[in-house]
Amino acid sequence: MAKLYFRYSAMNAGKTTQLLQVKYNYEERGQTVVLFKPAVDSRENTSKVRSRIGLEANATLINTSTNLLVTLTQELQDHPVHCVLVDEAQFLSEEQVLQLCSIVDDLDVPVIAYGLRADFRGELFPGSKVLLAFSDSIEEIKTICWCGKKAIMNTRLLNGIPVYEGEQILIGGNESYISLCRKHWRQGKTSSDE
């Protein structure tokens, strides 16, 4: 019986690395995986999903108008699909998360979505909000703050200084964000040197 899984974390916890490991495990057993990547994540300017440790795989780029149910139904006409993986799932629309529910419930294909829970202001992303409400299984992937506590907050940096206002989406990596525990997020303290 297929399920919708949401695996979330703060930044730099290895979500994409885990996604690529899951993809490898399915394919090693001769099973087909469809991998979706939101086009809004334009850091690589490619349809590849790439982890910070260098693993990568081809993905189907999607935008806010992509109907995931229709896209997967078309894939199923050509070959069986054993799993759907979604990278950066926080960028999905509410409608797209509900389409993932239909993939699971109506097509009996498991879906594993990986993404951030909240933005740098501590607010849920639209896709994450709906995934938290509708997923059969929710799993936190843990990472740590510089102090050694569990990091649950994403902190946006501007010239190395934490900022708490601005557009929700600003694509960036280590140069733009750091994962912190709640205490140090609230204090804006990004290292022990401060």
N, C-alpha and C. Protein backbone atom coordinates (compact mmCIF):
# COMPACT_ATOMS: atom_id res chain seq x y z
N MET A 1 0.83 -1.18 0.00
CA MET A 1 0.00 0.00 0.00
C MET A 1 0.88 1.25 0.00
N ALA A 2 0.70 2.11 -0.98
CA ALA A 2 1.52 3.31 -1.15
C ALA A 2 1.19 4.34 -0.08
N LYS A 3 2.19 5.17 0.23
CA LYS A 3 2.03 6.25 1.20
C LYS A 3 2.71 7.50 0.69
N LEU A 4 2.30 8.65 1.26
CA LEU A 4 2.96 9.92 1.03
C LEU A 4 3.84 10.21 2.23
N TYR A 5 5.14 10.35 1.99
CA TYR A 5 6.12 10.61 3.02
C TYR A 5 6.65 12.02 2.87
N PHE A 6 6.78 12.74 3.98
CA PHE A 6 7.43 14.04 3.97
C PHE A 6 8.62 13.98 4.90
N ARG A 7 9.79 14.16 4.34
CA ARG A 7 11.03 14.16 5.11
C ARG A 7 11.60 15.57 5.05
N TYR A 8 11.63 16.22 6.21
CA TYR A 8 12.01 17.62 6.25
C TYR A 8 13.18 17.84 7.20
N SER A 9 13.79 19.00 7.05
CA SER A 9 14.85 19.40 7.97
C SER A 9 15.18 20.86 7.74
N ALA A 10 16.10 21.36 8.57
CA ALA A 10 16.73 22.64 8.29
C ALA A 10 17.74 22.41 7.16
N MET A 11 18.31 23.48 6.67
CA MET A 11 19.27 23.36 5.57
C MET A 11 20.51 22.59 6.01
N ASN A 12 21.17 21.98 5.03
CA ASN A 12 22.44 21.28 5.22
C ASN A 12 22.34 20.02 6.07
N ALA A 13 21.18 19.37 6.04
CA ALA A 13 21.02 18.14 6.81
C ALA A 13 21.20 16.89 5.95
N GLY A 14 21.34 17.05 4.66
CA GLY A 14 21.54 15.90 3.79
C GLY A 14 20.28 15.37 3.14
N LYS A 15 19.27 16.21 2.98
CA LYS A 15 18.01 15.75 2.37
C LYS A 15 18.23 15.22 0.97
N THR A 16 18.95 15.97 0.15
CA THR A 16 19.16 15.55 -1.24
C THR A 16 20.03 14.30 -1.30
N THR A 17 21.00 14.20 -0.42
CA THR A 17 21.83 12.99 -0.38
C THR A 17 20.96 11.77 -0.06
N GLN A 18 20.06 11.91 0.91
CA GLN A 18 19.16 10.79 1.24
C GLN A 18 18.24 10.46 0.08
N LEU A 19 17.70 11.50 -0.58
CA LEU A 19 16.83 11.28 -1.74
C LEU A 19 17.57 10.47 -2.80
N LEU A 20 18.80 10.86 -3.09
CA LEU A 20 19.57 10.16 -4.13
C LEU A 20 19.91 8.73 -3.71
N GLN A 21 20.09 8.49 -2.41
CA GLN A 21 20.32 7.13 -1.93
C GLN A 21 19.06 6.27 -2.12
N VAL A 22 17.90 6.85 -1.82
CA VAL A 22 16.64 6.12 -2.02
C VAL A 22 16.47 5.79 -3.50
N LYS A 23 16.74 6.75 -4.37
CA LYS A 23 16.64 6.52 -5.82
C LYS A 23 17.55 5.37 -6.23
N TYR A 24 18.78 5.39 -5.75
CA TYR A 24 19.73 4.33 -6.06
C TYR A 24 19.22 2.97 -5.59
N ASN A 25 18.66 2.92 -4.37
CA ASN A 25 18.17 1.65 -3.82
C ASN A 25 17.06 1.07 -4.70
N TYR A 26 16.12 1.89 -5.13
CA TYR A 26 15.05 1.41 -6.02
C TYR A 26 15.64 0.90 -7.33
N GLU A 27 16.51 1.69 -7.93
CA GLU A 27 17.05 1.34 -9.25
C GLU A 27 17.95 0.12 -9.19
N GLU A 28 18.65 -0.08 -8.08
CA GLU A 28 19.50 -1.25 -7.91
C GLU A 28 18.67 -2.53 -7.97
N ARG A 29 17.39 -2.42 -7.60
CA ARG A 29 16.48 -3.57 -7.61
C ARG A 29 15.66 -3.63 -8.89
N GLY A 30 16.07 -2.85 -9.90
CA GLY A 30 15.41 -2.89 -11.19
C GLY A 30 14.08 -2.14 -11.25
N GLN A 31 13.85 -1.25 -10.28
CA GLN A 31 12.60 -0.50 -10.23
C GLN A 31 12.80 0.92 -10.75
N THR A 32 11.71 1.49 -11.27
CA THR A 32 11.75 2.80 -11.90
C THR A 32 11.32 3.88 -10.93
N VAL A 33 12.09 4.97 -10.91
CA VAL A 33 11.82 6.12 -10.05
C VAL A 33 11.62 7.34 -10.94
N VAL A 34 10.63 8.16 -10.60
CA VAL A 34 10.47 9.46 -11.22
C VAL A 34 10.89 10.50 -10.19
N LEU A 35 11.78 11.39 -10.59
CA LEU A 35 12.32 12.41 -9.70
C LEU A 35 11.90 13.78 -10.20
N PHE A 36 11.18 14.53 -9.35
CA PHE A 36 10.74 15.88 -9.68
C PHE A 36 11.60 16.90 -8.96
N LYS A 37 11.90 17.99 -9.66
CA LYS A 37 12.66 19.10 -9.08
C LYS A 37 11.99 20.41 -9.50
N PRO A 38 11.59 21.24 -8.52
CA PRO A 38 11.00 22.53 -8.88
C PRO A 38 12.01 23.42 -9.61
N ALA A 39 11.56 24.03 -10.71
CA ALA A 39 12.43 24.88 -11.51
C ALA A 39 12.85 26.14 -10.76
N VAL A 40 12.10 26.53 -9.74
CA VAL A 40 12.44 27.73 -8.96
C VAL A 40 13.81 27.58 -8.30
N ASP A 41 14.23 26.35 -8.01
CA ASP A 41 15.56 26.11 -7.46
C ASP A 41 16.55 26.13 -8.62
N SER A 42 16.98 27.32 -8.99
CA SER A 42 17.77 27.50 -10.20
C SER A 42 19.27 27.60 -9.95
N ARG A 43 19.73 27.17 -8.79
CA ARG A 43 21.15 27.29 -8.46
C ARG A 43 22.03 26.62 -9.49
N GLU A 44 21.63 25.47 -9.96
CA GLU A 44 22.46 24.72 -10.90
C GLU A 44 22.07 25.02 -12.35
N ASN A 45 20.94 25.69 -12.56
CA ASN A 45 20.44 26.00 -13.90
C ASN A 45 20.40 24.75 -14.78
N THR A 46 19.94 23.66 -14.19
CA THR A 46 19.90 22.39 -14.89
C THR A 46 18.80 21.52 -14.30
N SER A 47 18.48 20.46 -15.01
CA SER A 47 17.47 19.53 -14.50
C SER A 47 18.09 18.47 -13.58
N LYS A 48 19.34 18.63 -13.26
CA LYS A 48 19.99 17.68 -12.35
C LYS A 48 19.70 18.04 -10.90
N VAL A 49 19.52 17.01 -10.08
CA VAL A 49 19.48 17.16 -8.64
C VAL A 49 20.88 16.82 -8.16
N ARG A 50 21.48 17.74 -7.40
CA ARG A 50 22.87 17.56 -6.99
C ARG A 50 22.99 17.80 -5.49
N SER A 51 23.63 16.87 -4.79
CA SER A 51 23.84 17.03 -3.35
C SER A 51 25.17 17.75 -3.11
N ARG A 52 25.32 18.26 -1.92
CA ARG A 52 26.55 18.98 -1.58
C ARG A 52 27.77 18.07 -1.58
N ILE A 53 27.56 16.76 -1.42
CA ILE A 53 28.71 15.85 -1.41
C ILE A 53 29.03 15.31 -2.80
N GLY A 54 28.32 15.80 -3.83
CA GLY A 54 28.68 15.48 -5.20
C GLY A 54 27.83 14.44 -5.92
N LEU A 55 26.89 13.81 -5.23
CA LEU A 55 26.01 12.88 -5.91
C LEU A 55 25.02 13.66 -6.77
N GLU A 56 24.59 13.07 -7.89
CA GLU A 56 23.62 13.77 -8.73
C GLU A 56 22.80 12.78 -9.55
N ALA A 57 21.66 13.27 -10.03
CA ALA A 57 20.78 12.47 -10.88
C ALA A 57 19.92 13.40 -11.71
N ASN A 58 19.47 12.92 -12.85
CA ASN A 58 18.57 13.69 -13.70
C ASN A 58 17.19 13.74 -13.06
N ALA A 59 16.51 14.86 -13.27
CA ALA A 59 15.17 15.06 -12.72
C ALA A 59 14.27 15.70 -13.77
N THR A 60 12.98 15.57 -13.56
CA THR A 60 12.00 16.28 -14.37
C THR A 60 11.74 17.62 -13.70
N LEU A 61 12.03 18.70 -14.42
CA LEU A 61 11.78 20.03 -13.88
C LEU A 61 10.29 20.32 -13.89
N ILE A 62 9.82 20.90 -12.80
CA ILE A 62 8.41 21.26 -12.72
C ILE A 62 8.30 22.73 -12.32
N ASN A 63 7.20 23.35 -12.73
CA ASN A 63 6.92 24.71 -12.28
C ASN A 63 5.54 24.71 -11.64
N THR A 64 5.07 25.86 -11.23
CA THR A 64 3.81 25.93 -10.48
C THR A 64 2.61 25.50 -11.30
N SER A 65 2.73 25.49 -12.62
CA SER A 65 1.60 25.07 -13.45
C SER A 65 1.66 23.59 -13.83
N THR A 66 2.72 22.89 -13.45
CA THR A 66 2.84 21.47 -13.77
C THR A 66 1.85 20.66 -12.95
N ASN A 67 1.07 19.83 -13.64
CA ASN A 67 0.15 18.92 -12.96
C ASN A 67 0.90 17.60 -12.76
N LEU A 68 1.29 17.32 -11.53
CA LEU A 68 2.10 16.14 -11.24
C LEU A 68 1.35 14.84 -11.50
N LEU A 69 0.04 14.84 -11.27
CA LEU A 69 -0.77 13.65 -11.52
C LEU A 69 -0.81 13.34 -13.02
N VAL A 70 -1.03 14.35 -13.83
CA VAL A 70 -1.05 14.16 -15.29
C VAL A 70 0.32 13.71 -15.78
N THR A 71 1.38 14.36 -15.28
CA THR A 71 2.74 14.01 -15.69
C THR A 71 3.05 12.56 -15.36
N LEU A 72 2.68 12.12 -14.17
CA LEU A 72 2.98 10.73 -13.79
C LEU A 72 2.09 9.75 -14.55
N THR A 73 0.85 10.09 -14.78
CA THR A 73 -0.04 9.23 -15.56
C THR A 73 0.53 9.00 -16.95
N GLN A 74 1.11 10.03 -17.56
CA GLN A 74 1.75 9.88 -18.87
C GLN A 74 2.96 8.97 -18.79
N GLU A 75 3.75 9.10 -17.73
CA GLU A 75 4.91 8.21 -17.52
C GLU A 75 4.46 6.75 -17.42
N LEU A 76 3.36 6.54 -16.71
CA LEU A 76 2.86 5.18 -16.49
C LEU A 76 2.39 4.51 -17.78
N GLN A 77 2.08 5.29 -18.80
CA GLN A 77 1.69 4.71 -20.09
C GLN A 77 2.89 4.07 -20.78
N ASP A 78 4.09 4.55 -20.47
CA ASP A 78 5.31 4.04 -21.10
C ASP A 78 5.97 2.91 -20.31
N HIS A 79 5.84 2.95 -18.98
CA HIS A 79 6.52 1.96 -18.14
C HIS A 79 5.98 2.06 -16.72
N PRO A 80 6.16 1.01 -15.92
CA PRO A 80 5.74 1.10 -14.51
C PRO A 80 6.62 2.09 -13.75
N VAL A 81 6.04 2.73 -12.76
CA VAL A 81 6.79 3.62 -11.87
C VAL A 81 6.60 3.07 -10.46
N HIS A 82 7.71 2.85 -9.79
CA HIS A 82 7.67 2.23 -8.47
C HIS A 82 7.76 3.24 -7.32
N CYS A 83 8.23 4.45 -7.62
CA CYS A 83 8.33 5.48 -6.59
C CYS A 83 8.48 6.84 -7.24
N VAL A 84 7.90 7.85 -6.61
CA VAL A 84 8.09 9.25 -7.01
C VAL A 84 8.87 9.94 -5.90
N LEU A 85 9.92 10.63 -6.27
CA LEU A 85 10.73 11.40 -5.33
C LEU A 85 10.63 12.87 -5.72
N VAL A 86 10.52 13.73 -4.71
CA VAL A 86 10.43 15.17 -4.95
C VAL A 86 11.50 15.87 -4.12
N ASP A 87 12.37 16.60 -4.80
CA ASP A 87 13.38 17.40 -4.11
C ASP A 87 12.84 18.82 -3.93
N GLU A 88 13.25 19.51 -2.87
CA GLU A 88 12.83 20.89 -2.60
C GLU A 88 11.31 21.03 -2.60
N ALA A 89 10.64 20.10 -1.92
CA ALA A 89 9.17 20.02 -1.93
C ALA A 89 8.49 21.23 -1.29
N GLN A 90 9.23 22.03 -0.54
CA GLN A 90 8.63 23.23 0.05
C GLN A 90 8.13 24.18 -1.03
N PHE A 91 8.67 24.07 -2.25
CA PHE A 91 8.28 24.96 -3.34
C PHE A 91 7.04 24.50 -4.09
N LEU A 92 6.46 23.34 -3.72
CA LEU A 92 5.23 22.88 -4.37
C LEU A 92 4.06 23.77 -3.95
N SER A 93 3.07 23.83 -4.83
CA SER A 93 1.83 24.53 -4.48
C SER A 93 0.93 23.58 -3.69
N GLU A 94 -0.08 24.13 -3.06
CA GLU A 94 -1.06 23.29 -2.36
C GLU A 94 -1.68 22.30 -3.33
N GLU A 95 -2.01 22.76 -4.51
CA GLU A 95 -2.63 21.89 -5.52
C GLU A 95 -1.70 20.75 -5.90
N GLN A 96 -0.41 21.04 -6.02
CA GLN A 96 0.53 19.98 -6.38
C GLN A 96 0.68 18.94 -5.27
N VAL A 97 0.64 19.36 -4.02
CA VAL A 97 0.69 18.38 -2.92
C VAL A 97 -0.56 17.50 -2.97
N LEU A 98 -1.70 18.07 -3.25
CA LEU A 98 -2.92 17.27 -3.38
C LEU A 98 -2.83 16.32 -4.58
N GLN A 99 -2.12 16.72 -5.63
CA GLN A 99 -1.88 15.82 -6.76
C GLN A 99 -0.99 14.65 -6.33
N LEU A 100 -0.02 14.92 -5.47
CA LEU A 100 0.80 13.83 -4.92
C LEU A 100 -0.07 12.85 -4.13
N CYS A 101 -1.05 13.40 -3.39
CA CYS A 101 -1.98 12.53 -2.67
C CYS A 101 -2.74 11.63 -3.63
N SER A 102 -3.14 12.16 -4.76
CA SER A 102 -3.85 11.36 -5.77
C SER A 102 -2.94 10.30 -6.38
N ILE A 103 -1.66 10.64 -6.57
CA ILE A 103 -0.71 9.65 -7.08
C ILE A 103 -0.64 8.46 -6.13
N VAL A 104 -0.59 8.75 -4.84
CA VAL A 104 -0.53 7.70 -3.82
C VAL A 104 -1.85 6.93 -3.75
N ASP A 105 -2.95 7.66 -3.59
CA ASP A 105 -4.25 7.04 -3.33
C ASP A 105 -4.87 6.37 -4.55
N ASP A 106 -4.74 7.00 -5.72
CA ASP A 106 -5.41 6.51 -6.92
C ASP A 106 -4.52 5.66 -7.82
N LEU A 107 -3.23 5.98 -7.86
CA LEU A 107 -2.31 5.23 -8.72
C LEU A 107 -1.49 4.21 -7.95
N ASP A 108 -1.58 4.25 -6.61
CA ASP A 108 -0.88 3.32 -5.73
C ASP A 108 0.64 3.35 -5.93
N VAL A 109 1.17 4.57 -6.09
CA VAL A 109 2.61 4.77 -6.23
C VAL A 109 3.08 5.56 -5.01
N PRO A 110 4.07 5.06 -4.27
CA PRO A 110 4.57 5.81 -3.11
C PRO A 110 5.28 7.08 -3.55
N VAL A 111 5.14 8.12 -2.74
CA VAL A 111 5.78 9.40 -2.99
C VAL A 111 6.57 9.79 -1.75
N ILE A 112 7.83 10.16 -1.96
CA ILE A 112 8.67 10.65 -0.87
C ILE A 112 9.11 12.05 -1.24
N ALA A 113 8.66 13.03 -0.44
CA ALA A 113 8.97 14.43 -0.68
C ALA A 113 9.96 14.92 0.36
N TYR A 114 11.00 15.58 -0.10
CA TYR A 114 12.05 16.11 0.77
C TYR A 114 12.04 17.63 0.69
N GLY A 115 12.12 18.30 1.83
CA GLY A 115 12.16 19.76 1.78
C GLY A 115 12.32 20.40 3.13
N LEU A 116 12.34 21.70 3.09
CA LEU A 116 12.40 22.50 4.31
C LEU A 116 11.01 22.61 4.91
N ARG A 117 10.93 22.70 6.20
CA ARG A 117 9.65 22.92 6.87
C ARG A 117 9.32 24.40 6.88
N ALA A 118 10.26 25.22 7.31
CA ALA A 118 10.00 26.65 7.50
C ALA A 118 11.09 27.49 6.86
N ASP A 119 10.73 28.74 6.60
CA ASP A 119 11.68 29.67 5.99
C ASP A 119 12.53 30.37 7.04
N PHE A 120 13.30 31.35 6.63
CA PHE A 120 14.22 32.06 7.53
C PHE A 120 13.49 32.92 8.56
N ARG A 121 12.19 33.17 8.34
CA ARG A 121 11.39 33.94 9.30
C ARG A 121 10.68 33.03 10.30
N GLY A 122 10.82 31.72 10.10
CA GLY A 122 10.13 30.76 10.96
C GLY A 122 8.72 30.46 10.48
N GLU A 123 8.38 30.83 9.27
CA GLU A 123 7.05 30.60 8.71
C GLU A 123 7.07 29.40 7.77
N LEU A 124 6.01 28.62 7.81
CA LEU A 124 5.92 27.45 6.95
C LEU A 124 5.89 27.86 5.48
N PHE A 125 6.56 27.08 4.65
CA PHE A 125 6.41 27.23 3.21
C PHE A 125 5.05 26.67 2.83
N PRO A 126 4.40 27.19 1.78
CA PRO A 126 3.09 26.66 1.37
C PRO A 126 3.10 25.15 1.12
N GLY A 127 4.09 24.65 0.39
CA GLY A 127 4.16 23.22 0.12
C GLY A 127 4.35 22.40 1.38
N SER A 128 5.20 22.88 2.27
CA SER A 128 5.46 22.18 3.53
C SER A 128 4.23 22.15 4.42
N LYS A 129 3.49 23.25 4.44
CA LYS A 129 2.28 23.32 5.27
C LYS A 129 1.29 22.23 4.86
N VAL A 130 1.09 22.06 3.56
CA VAL A 130 0.13 21.05 3.09
C VAL A 130 0.70 19.65 3.24
N LEU A 131 2.01 19.49 3.06
CA LEU A 131 2.62 18.18 3.28
C LEU A 131 2.50 17.76 4.74
N LEU A 132 2.69 18.71 5.67
CA LEU A 132 2.54 18.38 7.09
C LEU A 132 1.10 17.96 7.40
N ALA A 133 0.15 18.53 6.70
CA ALA A 133 -1.27 18.21 6.95
C ALA A 133 -1.70 16.89 6.31
N PHE A 134 -1.15 16.54 5.15
CA PHE A 134 -1.68 15.42 4.37
C PHE A 134 -0.79 14.19 4.29
N SER A 135 0.44 14.26 4.74
CA SER A 135 1.35 13.12 4.61
C SER A 135 0.97 11.99 5.55
N ASP A 136 1.16 10.77 5.07
CA ASP A 136 0.95 9.58 5.90
C ASP A 136 2.06 9.42 6.93
N SER A 137 3.26 9.88 6.55
CA SER A 137 4.43 9.73 7.42
C SER A 137 5.26 11.00 7.33
N ILE A 138 5.63 11.53 8.49
CA ILE A 138 6.45 12.74 8.56
C ILE A 138 7.70 12.40 9.35
N GLU A 139 8.86 12.69 8.76
CA GLU A 139 10.13 12.35 9.40
C GLU A 139 11.05 13.55 9.36
N GLU A 140 11.64 13.87 10.51
CA GLU A 140 12.63 14.94 10.57
C GLU A 140 14.01 14.35 10.32
N ILE A 141 14.76 15.00 9.43
CA ILE A 141 16.16 14.67 9.20
C ILE A 141 16.95 15.69 10.00
N LYS A 142 17.76 15.22 10.90
CA LYS A 142 18.39 16.12 11.86
C LYS A 142 19.74 16.63 11.38
N THR A 143 20.00 17.87 11.78
CA THR A 143 21.32 18.48 11.61
C THR A 143 21.59 19.30 12.87
N ILE A 144 22.80 19.82 12.99
CA ILE A 144 23.14 20.51 14.23
C ILE A 144 23.53 21.96 14.00
N CYS A 145 23.31 22.74 15.03
CA CYS A 145 23.74 24.13 15.13
C CYS A 145 25.23 24.14 15.46
N TRP A 146 25.87 25.28 15.31
CA TRP A 146 27.29 25.38 15.67
C TRP A 146 27.53 25.05 17.14
N CYS A 147 26.49 25.18 17.99
CA CYS A 147 26.66 24.91 19.42
C CYS A 147 26.52 23.43 19.77
N GLY A 148 26.10 22.62 18.79
CA GLY A 148 25.93 21.19 19.02
C GLY A 148 24.50 20.77 19.27
N LYS A 149 23.58 21.71 19.52
CA LYS A 149 22.16 21.39 19.67
C LYS A 149 21.55 21.13 18.30
N LYS A 150 20.38 20.51 18.32
CA LYS A 150 19.68 20.25 17.06
C LYS A 150 19.29 21.58 16.41
N ALA A 151 19.63 21.72 15.13
CA ALA A 151 19.26 22.92 14.37
C ALA A 151 17.88 22.69 13.75
N ILE A 152 16.97 23.60 14.02
CA ILE A 152 15.63 23.50 13.44
C ILE A 152 15.25 24.74 12.64
N MET A 153 16.09 25.76 12.67
CA MET A 153 15.78 27.03 12.03
C MET A 153 16.76 27.30 10.89
N ASN A 154 16.24 27.91 9.82
CA ASN A 154 17.07 28.37 8.71
C ASN A 154 17.27 29.87 8.88
N THR A 155 18.49 30.32 8.88
CA THR A 155 18.78 31.73 9.06
C THR A 155 19.37 32.29 7.78
N ARG A 156 18.72 33.34 7.26
CA ARG A 156 19.23 34.00 6.06
C ARG A 156 20.31 34.99 6.47
N LEU A 157 21.38 35.00 5.69
CA LEU A 157 22.50 35.90 5.95
C LEU A 157 22.62 36.92 4.82
N LEU A 158 22.86 38.17 5.19
CA LEU A 158 23.15 39.22 4.23
C LEU A 158 24.48 39.82 4.66
N ASN A 159 25.51 39.57 3.84
CA ASN A 159 26.88 39.98 4.20
C ASN A 159 27.28 39.40 5.56
N GLY A 160 26.87 38.15 5.81
CA GLY A 160 27.23 37.45 7.04
C GLY A 160 26.39 37.80 8.25
N ILE A 161 25.42 38.70 8.09
CA ILE A 161 24.57 39.15 9.20
C ILE A 161 23.17 38.53 9.05
N PRO A 162 22.61 37.93 10.12
CA PRO A 162 21.25 37.37 10.04
C PRO A 162 20.21 38.45 9.73
N VAL A 163 19.29 38.13 8.83
CA VAL A 163 18.17 39.02 8.52
C VAL A 163 16.87 38.24 8.74
N TYR A 164 15.81 38.95 9.10
CA TYR A 164 14.55 38.31 9.44
C TYR A 164 13.38 38.86 8.63
N GLU A 165 13.67 39.68 7.66
CA GLU A 165 12.64 40.24 6.79
C GLU A 165 13.08 40.07 5.34
N GLY A 166 12.08 40.02 4.45
CA GLY A 166 12.37 39.90 3.03
C GLY A 166 11.46 38.87 2.38
N GLU A 167 11.65 38.70 1.09
CA GLU A 167 10.87 37.72 0.34
C GLU A 167 11.11 36.33 0.90
N GLN A 168 10.07 35.50 0.87
CA GLN A 168 10.21 34.16 1.41
C GLN A 168 11.25 33.35 0.65
N ILE A 169 11.28 33.50 -0.65
CA ILE A 169 12.18 32.67 -1.46
C ILE A 169 13.35 33.50 -1.97
N LEU A 170 14.52 33.10 -1.56
CA LEU A 170 15.78 33.61 -2.07
C LEU A 170 16.68 32.39 -2.19
N ILE A 171 16.86 31.93 -3.40
CA ILE A 171 17.62 30.70 -3.62
C ILE A 171 19.08 30.96 -3.28
N GLY A 172 19.64 30.06 -2.47
CA GLY A 172 21.03 30.19 -2.10
C GLY A 172 21.48 29.00 -1.28
N GLY A 173 22.76 28.95 -1.08
CA GLY A 173 23.35 27.85 -0.31
C GLY A 173 24.04 28.39 0.93
N ASN A 174 25.22 27.86 1.21
CA ASN A 174 25.94 28.21 2.43
C ASN A 174 26.30 29.70 2.50
N GLU A 175 26.38 30.36 1.35
CA GLU A 175 26.70 31.78 1.37
C GLU A 175 25.51 32.63 1.85
N SER A 176 24.31 32.07 1.77
CA SER A 176 23.10 32.82 2.09
C SER A 176 22.35 32.33 3.32
N TYR A 177 22.64 31.13 3.78
CA TYR A 177 21.87 30.54 4.88
C TYR A 177 22.76 29.74 5.81
N ILE A 178 22.32 29.66 7.06
CA ILE A 178 22.96 28.80 8.06
C ILE A 178 21.84 28.18 8.91
N SER A 179 22.02 26.94 9.30
CA SER A 179 21.06 26.27 10.18
C SER A 179 21.46 26.51 11.63
N LEU A 180 20.47 26.93 12.43
CA LEU A 180 20.73 27.22 13.84
C LEU A 180 19.67 26.56 14.72
N CYS A 181 20.01 26.38 16.00
CA CYS A 181 18.99 26.00 16.98
C CYS A 181 18.08 27.22 17.19
N ARG A 182 16.94 27.00 17.77
CA ARG A 182 15.99 28.09 17.96
C ARG A 182 16.59 29.23 18.79
N LYS A 183 17.31 28.89 19.86
CA LYS A 183 17.90 29.91 20.73
C LYS A 183 18.83 30.84 19.94
N HIS A 184 19.73 30.26 19.15
CA HIS A 184 20.69 31.08 18.43
C HIS A 184 20.05 31.77 17.22
N TRP A 185 18.99 31.20 16.67
CA TRP A 185 18.21 31.89 15.63
C TRP A 185 17.60 33.15 16.22
N ARG A 186 16.98 33.01 17.41
CA ARG A 186 16.36 34.16 18.07
C ARG A 186 17.39 35.23 18.42
N GLN A 187 18.56 34.79 18.85
CA GLN A 187 19.62 35.73 19.22
C GLN A 187 20.39 36.28 18.02
N GLY A 188 20.25 35.62 16.87
CA GLY A 188 21.01 36.03 15.69
C GLY A 188 22.50 35.74 15.83
N LYS A 189 22.81 34.74 16.61
CA LYS A 189 24.19 34.38 16.89
C LYS A 189 24.60 33.21 15.98
N THR A 190 25.51 33.46 15.05
CA THR A 190 25.86 32.47 14.04
C THR A 190 27.14 31.71 14.32
N SER A 191 27.83 32.05 15.39
CA SER A 191 29.04 31.30 15.77
C SER A 191 29.37 31.59 17.23
N SER A 192 30.32 30.83 17.77
CA SER A 192 30.73 31.03 19.16
C SER A 192 31.59 32.27 19.32
N ASP A 193 32.03 32.84 18.21
CA ASP A 193 32.91 34.03 18.26
C ASP A 193 32.15 35.32 18.55
N GLU A 194 30.84 35.27 18.55
CA GLU A 194 30.05 36.50 18.71
C GLU A 194 29.73 36.78 20.16
